[in-house]
Amino acid sequence: MKEYLDRRLSSLATKDDIEKMRQETKAHFRQWREDDKTNVAELRKETQTVVDQSNQVLASSLQQIKEVESLRDEMKQMAEMIMALSGKVSEGFVERKGEAAPATTASFADLEMRIRELEARLKTLEKMVLP
């Protein structure tokens, strides 16, 4: 190309010069095309690698989401079970409270009677020891 321009300045271009320039231009275009093909192939590989990595990350994220949802469902079931057990425990306390009240009253009466008996024995012992 440079030679051509130099010749152009010095004289008119010959048919051989034009043919040489045409062949050089074709060679440059072929080289650019090959370079572009190589670049496109490399970009495709890089893009595929990025897509594969993204798919792996996405799959991992989806698995984690599924695990979280599973845990959430389990926690919901456990909360429902706890609420049911809480209700049963409350019912059991109410039933036991009703059953325990007479037993507690009876035991307090028994204790009161024992205390009176012990006080009477204490007075008797005091009279014996202290005239």
N, C-alpha and C. Protein backbone atom coordinates (compact mmCIF):
# COMPACT_ATOMS: atom_id res chain seq x y z
N MET A 1 0.83 -1.17 0.00
CA MET A 1 0.00 0.00 0.00
C MET A 1 0.88 1.25 0.00
N LYS A 2 1.88 1.22 0.86
CA LYS A 2 2.79 2.36 0.94
C LYS A 2 3.54 2.53 -0.38
N GLU A 3 3.94 1.37 -0.92
CA GLU A 3 4.65 1.43 -2.20
C GLU A 3 3.77 2.05 -3.29
N TYR A 4 2.54 1.67 -3.27
CA TYR A 4 1.61 2.20 -4.26
C TYR A 4 1.49 3.71 -4.13
N LEU A 5 1.30 4.14 -2.92
CA LEU A 5 1.17 5.59 -2.72
C LEU A 5 2.44 6.32 -3.14
N ASP A 6 3.57 5.69 -2.84
CA ASP A 6 4.84 6.31 -3.27
C ASP A 6 4.91 6.39 -4.79
N ARG A 7 4.53 5.32 -5.45
CA ARG A 7 4.55 5.32 -6.92
C ARG A 7 3.54 6.30 -7.48
N ARG A 8 2.43 6.38 -6.86
CA ARG A 8 1.37 7.28 -7.32
C ARG A 8 1.87 8.70 -7.34
N LEU A 9 2.60 8.99 -6.30
CA LEU A 9 3.15 10.33 -6.23
C LEU A 9 4.21 10.54 -7.31
N SER A 10 4.99 9.52 -7.56
CA SER A 10 6.06 9.68 -8.55
C SER A 10 5.56 9.50 -9.98
N SER A 11 4.60 8.60 -10.17
CA SER A 11 4.07 8.40 -11.52
C SER A 11 2.72 7.73 -11.42
N LEU A 12 2.10 7.47 -12.51
CA LEU A 12 0.82 6.80 -12.52
C LEU A 12 1.01 5.32 -12.20
N ALA A 13 0.00 4.73 -11.56
CA ALA A 13 0.07 3.33 -11.19
C ALA A 13 -0.06 2.45 -12.42
N THR A 14 0.69 1.37 -12.40
CA THR A 14 0.63 0.43 -13.51
C THR A 14 -0.39 -0.65 -13.21
N LYS A 15 -0.70 -1.44 -14.22
CA LYS A 15 -1.66 -2.53 -14.07
C LYS A 15 -1.14 -3.54 -13.05
N ASP A 16 0.12 -3.80 -13.03
CA ASP A 16 0.71 -4.73 -12.07
C ASP A 16 0.57 -4.19 -10.64
N ASP A 17 0.74 -2.91 -10.49
CA ASP A 17 0.60 -2.29 -9.16
C ASP A 17 -0.83 -2.44 -8.65
N ILE A 18 -1.78 -2.21 -9.53
CA ILE A 18 -3.19 -2.32 -9.14
C ILE A 18 -3.50 -3.76 -8.77
N GLU A 19 -3.03 -4.72 -9.53
CA GLU A 19 -3.25 -6.15 -9.23
C GLU A 19 -2.61 -6.52 -7.91
N LYS A 20 -1.40 -6.02 -7.68
CA LYS A 20 -0.70 -6.30 -6.42
C LYS A 20 -1.49 -5.73 -5.25
N MET A 21 -2.01 -4.53 -5.42
CA MET A 21 -2.78 -3.89 -4.37
C MET A 21 -4.08 -4.66 -4.12
N ARG A 22 -4.72 -5.13 -5.17
CA ARG A 22 -5.95 -5.90 -5.04
C ARG A 22 -5.67 -7.20 -4.28
N GLN A 23 -4.60 -7.87 -4.58
CA GLN A 23 -4.24 -9.12 -3.90
C GLN A 23 -3.90 -8.86 -2.43
N GLU A 24 -3.19 -7.80 -2.17
CA GLU A 24 -2.87 -7.45 -0.78
C GLU A 24 -4.14 -7.15 0.01
N THR A 25 -5.05 -6.42 -0.63
CA THR A 25 -6.32 -6.09 0.04
C THR A 25 -7.11 -7.35 0.33
N LYS A 26 -7.17 -8.27 -0.64
CA LYS A 26 -7.86 -9.54 -0.42
C LYS A 26 -7.21 -10.32 0.73
N ALA A 27 -5.90 -10.33 0.74
CA ALA A 27 -5.17 -11.05 1.79
C ALA A 27 -5.48 -10.44 3.16
N HIS A 28 -5.53 -9.13 3.22
CA HIS A 28 -5.86 -8.46 4.50
C HIS A 28 -7.29 -8.80 4.93
N PHE A 29 -8.23 -8.77 3.98
CA PHE A 29 -9.61 -9.12 4.32
C PHE A 29 -9.73 -10.56 4.79
N ARG A 30 -9.01 -11.48 4.11
CA ARG A 30 -9.02 -12.88 4.55
C ARG A 30 -8.47 -13.01 5.97
N GLN A 31 -7.39 -12.30 6.24
CA GLN A 31 -6.79 -12.34 7.58
C GLN A 31 -7.77 -11.79 8.63
N TRP A 32 -8.41 -10.68 8.30
CA TRP A 32 -9.40 -10.10 9.23
C TRP A 32 -10.55 -11.06 9.47
N ARG A 33 -11.00 -11.72 8.39
CA ARG A 33 -12.09 -12.67 8.52
C ARG A 33 -11.67 -13.82 9.42
N GLU A 34 -10.49 -14.35 9.24
CA GLU A 34 -9.99 -15.44 10.08
C GLU A 34 -9.86 -14.97 11.53
N ASP A 35 -9.34 -13.77 11.71
CA ASP A 35 -9.22 -13.22 13.07
C ASP A 35 -10.60 -13.09 13.71
N ASP A 36 -11.56 -12.60 12.92
CA ASP A 36 -12.92 -12.46 13.44
C ASP A 36 -13.51 -13.82 13.81
N LYS A 37 -13.29 -14.83 12.96
CA LYS A 37 -13.79 -16.17 13.26
C LYS A 37 -13.18 -16.70 14.55
N THR A 38 -11.87 -16.47 14.71
CA THR A 38 -11.19 -16.90 15.92
C THR A 38 -11.76 -16.17 17.14
N ASN A 39 -11.94 -14.88 17.00
CA ASN A 39 -12.49 -14.08 18.11
C ASN A 39 -13.91 -14.52 18.46
N VAL A 40 -14.71 -14.77 17.44
CA VAL A 40 -16.09 -15.22 17.67
C VAL A 40 -16.08 -16.58 18.38
N ALA A 41 -15.22 -17.48 17.94
CA ALA A 41 -15.14 -18.80 18.58
C ALA A 41 -14.72 -18.67 20.04
N GLU A 42 -13.75 -17.81 20.32
CA GLU A 42 -13.32 -17.59 21.70
C GLU A 42 -14.44 -16.98 22.53
N LEU A 43 -15.14 -16.01 21.95
CA LEU A 43 -16.27 -15.40 22.67
C LEU A 43 -17.37 -16.41 22.95
N ARG A 44 -17.62 -17.30 21.99
CA ARG A 44 -18.62 -18.34 22.21
C ARG A 44 -18.22 -19.25 23.36
N LYS A 45 -16.94 -19.64 23.39
CA LYS A 45 -16.46 -20.49 24.48
C LYS A 45 -16.60 -19.78 25.82
N GLU A 46 -16.18 -18.52 25.87
CA GLU A 46 -16.27 -17.75 27.11
C GLU A 46 -17.72 -17.59 27.54
N THR A 47 -18.58 -17.29 26.56
CA THR A 47 -20.00 -17.13 26.86
C THR A 47 -20.58 -18.44 27.38
N GLN A 48 -20.23 -19.55 26.75
CA GLN A 48 -20.73 -20.85 27.21
C GLN A 48 -20.25 -21.15 28.62
N THR A 49 -19.01 -20.81 28.91
CA THR A 49 -18.47 -21.02 30.26
C THR A 49 -19.26 -20.20 31.27
N VAL A 50 -19.52 -18.95 30.94
CA VAL A 50 -20.29 -18.09 31.85
C VAL A 50 -21.71 -18.62 32.02
N VAL A 51 -22.32 -19.06 30.92
CA VAL A 51 -23.67 -19.62 31.00
C VAL A 51 -23.68 -20.87 31.87
N ASP A 52 -22.69 -21.74 31.70
CA ASP A 52 -22.61 -22.96 32.51
C ASP A 52 -22.45 -22.62 33.99
N GLN A 53 -21.58 -21.66 34.28
CA GLN A 53 -21.38 -21.25 35.68
C GLN A 53 -22.67 -20.66 36.24
N SER A 54 -23.34 -19.84 35.44
CA SER A 54 -24.60 -19.24 35.89
C SER A 54 -25.65 -20.32 36.16
N ASN A 55 -25.69 -21.32 35.30
CA ASN A 55 -26.63 -22.42 35.50
C ASN A 55 -26.34 -23.18 36.80
N GLN A 56 -25.06 -23.39 37.08
CA GLN A 56 -24.69 -24.06 38.33
C GLN A 56 -25.10 -23.24 39.54
N VAL A 57 -24.85 -21.94 39.48
CA VAL A 57 -25.23 -21.06 40.59
C VAL A 57 -26.75 -21.06 40.75
N LEU A 58 -27.45 -20.99 39.62
CA LEU A 58 -28.91 -21.00 39.66
C LEU A 58 -29.44 -22.30 40.24
N ALA A 59 -28.86 -23.42 39.82
CA ALA A 59 -29.30 -24.72 40.34
C ALA A 59 -29.04 -24.80 41.84
N SER A 60 -27.90 -24.32 42.27
CA SER A 60 -27.58 -24.31 43.70
C SER A 60 -28.56 -23.43 44.47
N SER A 61 -28.84 -22.26 43.91
CA SER A 61 -29.78 -21.34 44.56
C SER A 61 -31.17 -21.96 44.65
N LEU A 62 -31.60 -22.61 43.58
CA LEU A 62 -32.92 -23.25 43.60
C LEU A 62 -32.97 -24.36 44.64
N GLN A 63 -31.88 -25.11 44.76
CA GLN A 63 -31.83 -26.17 45.78
C GLN A 63 -31.93 -25.57 47.18
N GLN A 64 -31.23 -24.47 47.40
CA GLN A 64 -31.29 -23.81 48.71
C GLN A 64 -32.70 -23.29 48.99
N ILE A 65 -33.35 -22.75 47.97
CA ILE A 65 -34.72 -22.25 48.13
C ILE A 65 -35.65 -23.41 48.49
N LYS A 66 -35.47 -24.54 47.81
CA LYS A 66 -36.29 -25.71 48.12
C LYS A 66 -36.08 -26.16 49.56
N GLU A 67 -34.82 -26.15 50.00
CA GLU A 67 -34.52 -26.55 51.38
C GLU A 67 -35.16 -25.59 52.36
N VAL A 68 -35.09 -24.29 52.07
CA VAL A 68 -35.70 -23.29 52.95
C VAL A 68 -37.21 -23.49 53.00
N GLU A 69 -37.83 -23.73 51.84
CA GLU A 69 -39.27 -23.96 51.81
C GLU A 69 -39.63 -25.21 52.60
N SER A 70 -38.81 -26.25 52.47
CA SER A 70 -39.05 -27.48 53.21
C SER A 70 -38.96 -27.23 54.72
N LEU A 71 -37.93 -26.48 55.11
CA LEU A 71 -37.78 -26.14 56.54
C LEU A 71 -38.96 -25.30 57.02
N ARG A 72 -39.40 -24.37 56.19
CA ARG A 72 -40.54 -23.53 56.56
C ARG A 72 -41.78 -24.39 56.77
N ASP A 73 -42.01 -25.36 55.87
CA ASP A 73 -43.16 -26.25 56.01
C ASP A 73 -43.05 -27.08 57.29
N GLU A 74 -41.85 -27.58 57.56
CA GLU A 74 -41.64 -28.36 58.78
C GLU A 74 -41.89 -27.50 60.02
N MET A 75 -41.41 -26.26 59.99
CA MET A 75 -41.62 -25.37 61.13
C MET A 75 -43.10 -25.07 61.32
N LYS A 76 -43.82 -24.91 60.22
CA LYS A 76 -45.26 -24.67 60.30
C LYS A 76 -45.96 -25.87 60.93
N GLN A 77 -45.58 -27.07 60.49
CA GLN A 77 -46.17 -28.28 61.07
C GLN A 77 -45.85 -28.38 62.56
N MET A 78 -44.60 -28.07 62.91
CA MET A 78 -44.21 -28.14 64.32
C MET A 78 -45.00 -27.12 65.14
N ALA A 79 -45.18 -25.92 64.59
CA ALA A 79 -45.95 -24.90 65.30
C ALA A 79 -47.38 -25.37 65.52
N GLU A 80 -47.96 -25.99 64.50
CA GLU A 80 -49.32 -26.51 64.64
C GLU A 80 -49.38 -27.60 65.70
N MET A 81 -48.37 -28.48 65.70
CA MET A 81 -48.32 -29.54 66.70
C MET A 81 -48.17 -28.96 68.10
N ILE A 82 -47.33 -27.93 68.23
CA ILE A 82 -47.12 -27.30 69.53
C ILE A 82 -48.41 -26.66 70.02
N MET A 83 -49.12 -26.01 69.10
CA MET A 83 -50.39 -25.39 69.49
C MET A 83 -51.39 -26.46 69.95
N ALA A 84 -51.43 -27.58 69.23
CA ALA A 84 -52.34 -28.66 69.61
C ALA A 84 -51.95 -29.22 70.98
N LEU A 85 -50.64 -29.43 71.18
CA LEU A 85 -50.18 -29.94 72.48
C LEU A 85 -50.44 -28.93 73.60
N SER A 86 -50.27 -27.67 73.30
CA SER A 86 -50.52 -26.63 74.30
C SER A 86 -51.98 -26.67 74.74
N GLY A 87 -52.87 -26.83 73.77
CA GLY A 87 -54.29 -26.93 74.10
C GLY A 87 -54.56 -28.15 74.97
N LYS A 88 -53.94 -29.29 74.61
CA LYS A 88 -54.14 -30.50 75.40
C LYS A 88 -53.59 -30.35 76.81
N VAL A 89 -52.42 -29.70 76.93
CA VAL A 89 -51.81 -29.48 78.24
C VAL A 89 -52.72 -28.59 79.09
N SER A 90 -53.25 -27.54 78.47
CA SER A 90 -54.16 -26.65 79.20
C SER A 90 -55.39 -27.40 79.67
N GLU A 91 -55.95 -28.22 78.80
CA GLU A 91 -57.11 -29.02 79.18
C GLU A 91 -56.76 -29.96 80.33
N GLY A 92 -55.56 -30.56 80.23
CA GLY A 92 -55.11 -31.48 81.29
C GLY A 92 -54.96 -30.76 82.62
N PHE A 93 -54.43 -29.54 82.60
CA PHE A 93 -54.30 -28.77 83.86
C PHE A 93 -55.68 -28.46 84.46
N VAL A 94 -56.61 -28.11 83.59
CA VAL A 94 -57.96 -27.80 84.09
C VAL A 94 -58.56 -29.05 84.72
N GLU A 95 -58.40 -30.20 84.06
CA GLU A 95 -58.93 -31.45 84.61
C GLU A 95 -58.24 -31.79 85.93
N ARG A 96 -56.91 -31.68 85.96
CA ARG A 96 -56.16 -32.02 87.17
C ARG A 96 -56.45 -31.04 88.30
N LYS A 97 -56.68 -29.81 87.95
CA LYS A 97 -56.99 -28.81 88.98
C LYS A 97 -58.30 -29.17 89.66
N GLY A 98 -59.25 -29.57 88.83
CA GLY A 98 -60.53 -29.99 89.39
C GLY A 98 -60.38 -31.22 90.27
N GLU A 99 -59.52 -32.16 89.88
CA GLU A 99 -59.29 -33.37 90.66
C GLU A 99 -58.45 -33.08 91.90
N ALA A 100 -57.52 -32.14 91.79
CA ALA A 100 -56.58 -31.89 92.88
C ALA A 100 -57.20 -31.06 93.99
N ALA A 101 -58.19 -30.25 93.69
CA ALA A 101 -58.78 -29.36 94.70
C ALA A 101 -59.31 -30.15 95.90
N PRO A 102 -60.11 -31.18 95.71
CA PRO A 102 -60.58 -31.93 96.88
C PRO A 102 -59.43 -32.62 97.61
N ALA A 103 -58.46 -33.12 96.85
CA ALA A 103 -57.33 -33.80 97.50
C ALA A 103 -56.53 -32.81 98.31
N THR A 104 -56.35 -31.60 97.81
CA THR A 104 -55.59 -30.58 98.53
C THR A 104 -56.36 -30.16 99.78
N THR A 105 -57.65 -29.98 99.64
CA THR A 105 -58.47 -29.60 100.80
C THR A 105 -58.42 -30.69 101.86
N ALA A 106 -58.51 -31.93 101.38
CA ALA A 106 -58.46 -33.04 102.34
C ALA A 106 -57.11 -33.09 103.01
N SER A 107 -56.06 -32.88 102.30
CA SER A 107 -54.75 -32.96 102.92
C SER A 107 -54.52 -31.80 103.88
N PHE A 108 -55.07 -30.62 103.58
CA PHE A 108 -54.94 -29.51 104.53
C PHE A 108 -55.70 -29.81 105.81
N ALA A 109 -56.85 -30.43 105.70
CA ALA A 109 -57.63 -30.80 106.88
C ALA A 109 -56.85 -31.81 107.71
N ASP A 110 -56.24 -32.78 107.04
CA ASP A 110 -55.44 -33.78 107.75
C ASP A 110 -54.26 -33.12 108.46
N LEU A 111 -53.60 -32.20 107.78
CA LEU A 111 -52.46 -31.50 108.38
C LEU A 111 -52.91 -30.68 109.59
N GLU A 112 -54.05 -30.03 109.46
CA GLU A 112 -54.57 -29.22 110.56
C GLU A 112 -54.85 -30.10 111.78
N MET A 113 -55.42 -31.26 111.55
CA MET A 113 -55.72 -32.18 112.65
C MET A 113 -54.41 -32.67 113.29
N ARG A 114 -53.41 -32.98 112.48
CA ARG A 114 -52.12 -33.44 113.02
C ARG A 114 -51.46 -32.35 113.85
N ILE A 115 -51.57 -31.10 113.37
CA ILE A 115 -50.97 -29.99 114.13
C ILE A 115 -51.65 -29.88 115.49
N ARG A 116 -52.98 -29.99 115.54
CA ARG A 116 -53.70 -29.91 116.83
C ARG A 116 -53.28 -31.05 117.76
N GLU A 117 -53.14 -32.25 117.19
CA GLU A 117 -52.71 -33.39 118.00
C GLU A 117 -51.30 -33.15 118.56
N LEU A 118 -50.39 -32.64 117.72
CA LEU A 118 -49.03 -32.39 118.17
C LEU A 118 -48.98 -31.29 119.23
N GLU A 119 -49.83 -30.27 119.07
CA GLU A 119 -49.88 -29.20 120.07
C GLU A 119 -50.39 -29.75 121.40
N ALA A 120 -51.35 -30.63 121.32
CA ALA A 120 -51.90 -31.22 122.56
C ALA A 120 -50.83 -32.08 123.24
N ARG A 121 -50.07 -32.84 122.47
CA ARG A 121 -49.00 -33.66 123.04
C ARG A 121 -47.91 -32.79 123.65
N LEU A 122 -47.64 -31.67 122.96
CA LEU A 122 -46.62 -30.74 123.45
C LEU A 122 -47.04 -30.17 124.80
N LYS A 123 -48.31 -29.80 124.93
CA LYS A 123 -48.81 -29.27 126.20
C LYS A 123 -48.72 -30.32 127.30
N THR A 124 -49.04 -31.53 126.94
CA THR A 124 -48.97 -32.61 127.92
C THR A 124 -47.52 -32.80 128.38
N LEU A 125 -46.57 -32.77 127.44
CA LEU A 125 -45.17 -32.96 127.78
C LEU A 125 -44.66 -31.77 128.62
N GLU A 126 -45.13 -30.58 128.29
CA GLU A 126 -44.71 -29.41 129.06
C GLU A 126 -45.19 -29.52 130.52
N LYS A 127 -46.40 -30.01 130.70
CA LYS A 127 -46.94 -30.16 132.04
C LYS A 127 -46.17 -31.19 132.83
N MET A 128 -45.67 -32.21 132.12
CA MET A 128 -44.91 -33.24 132.79
C MET A 128 -43.53 -32.74 133.16
N VAL A 129 -42.93 -31.97 132.26
CA VAL A 129 -41.56 -31.53 132.48
C VAL A 129 -41.56 -30.30 133.38
N LEU A 130 -42.46 -29.38 133.14
CA LEU A 130 -42.52 -28.16 133.90
C LEU A 130 -43.73 -28.21 134.86
N PRO A 131 -43.49 -28.44 136.09
CA PRO A 131 -44.62 -28.54 137.03
C PRO A 131 -45.25 -27.22 137.36
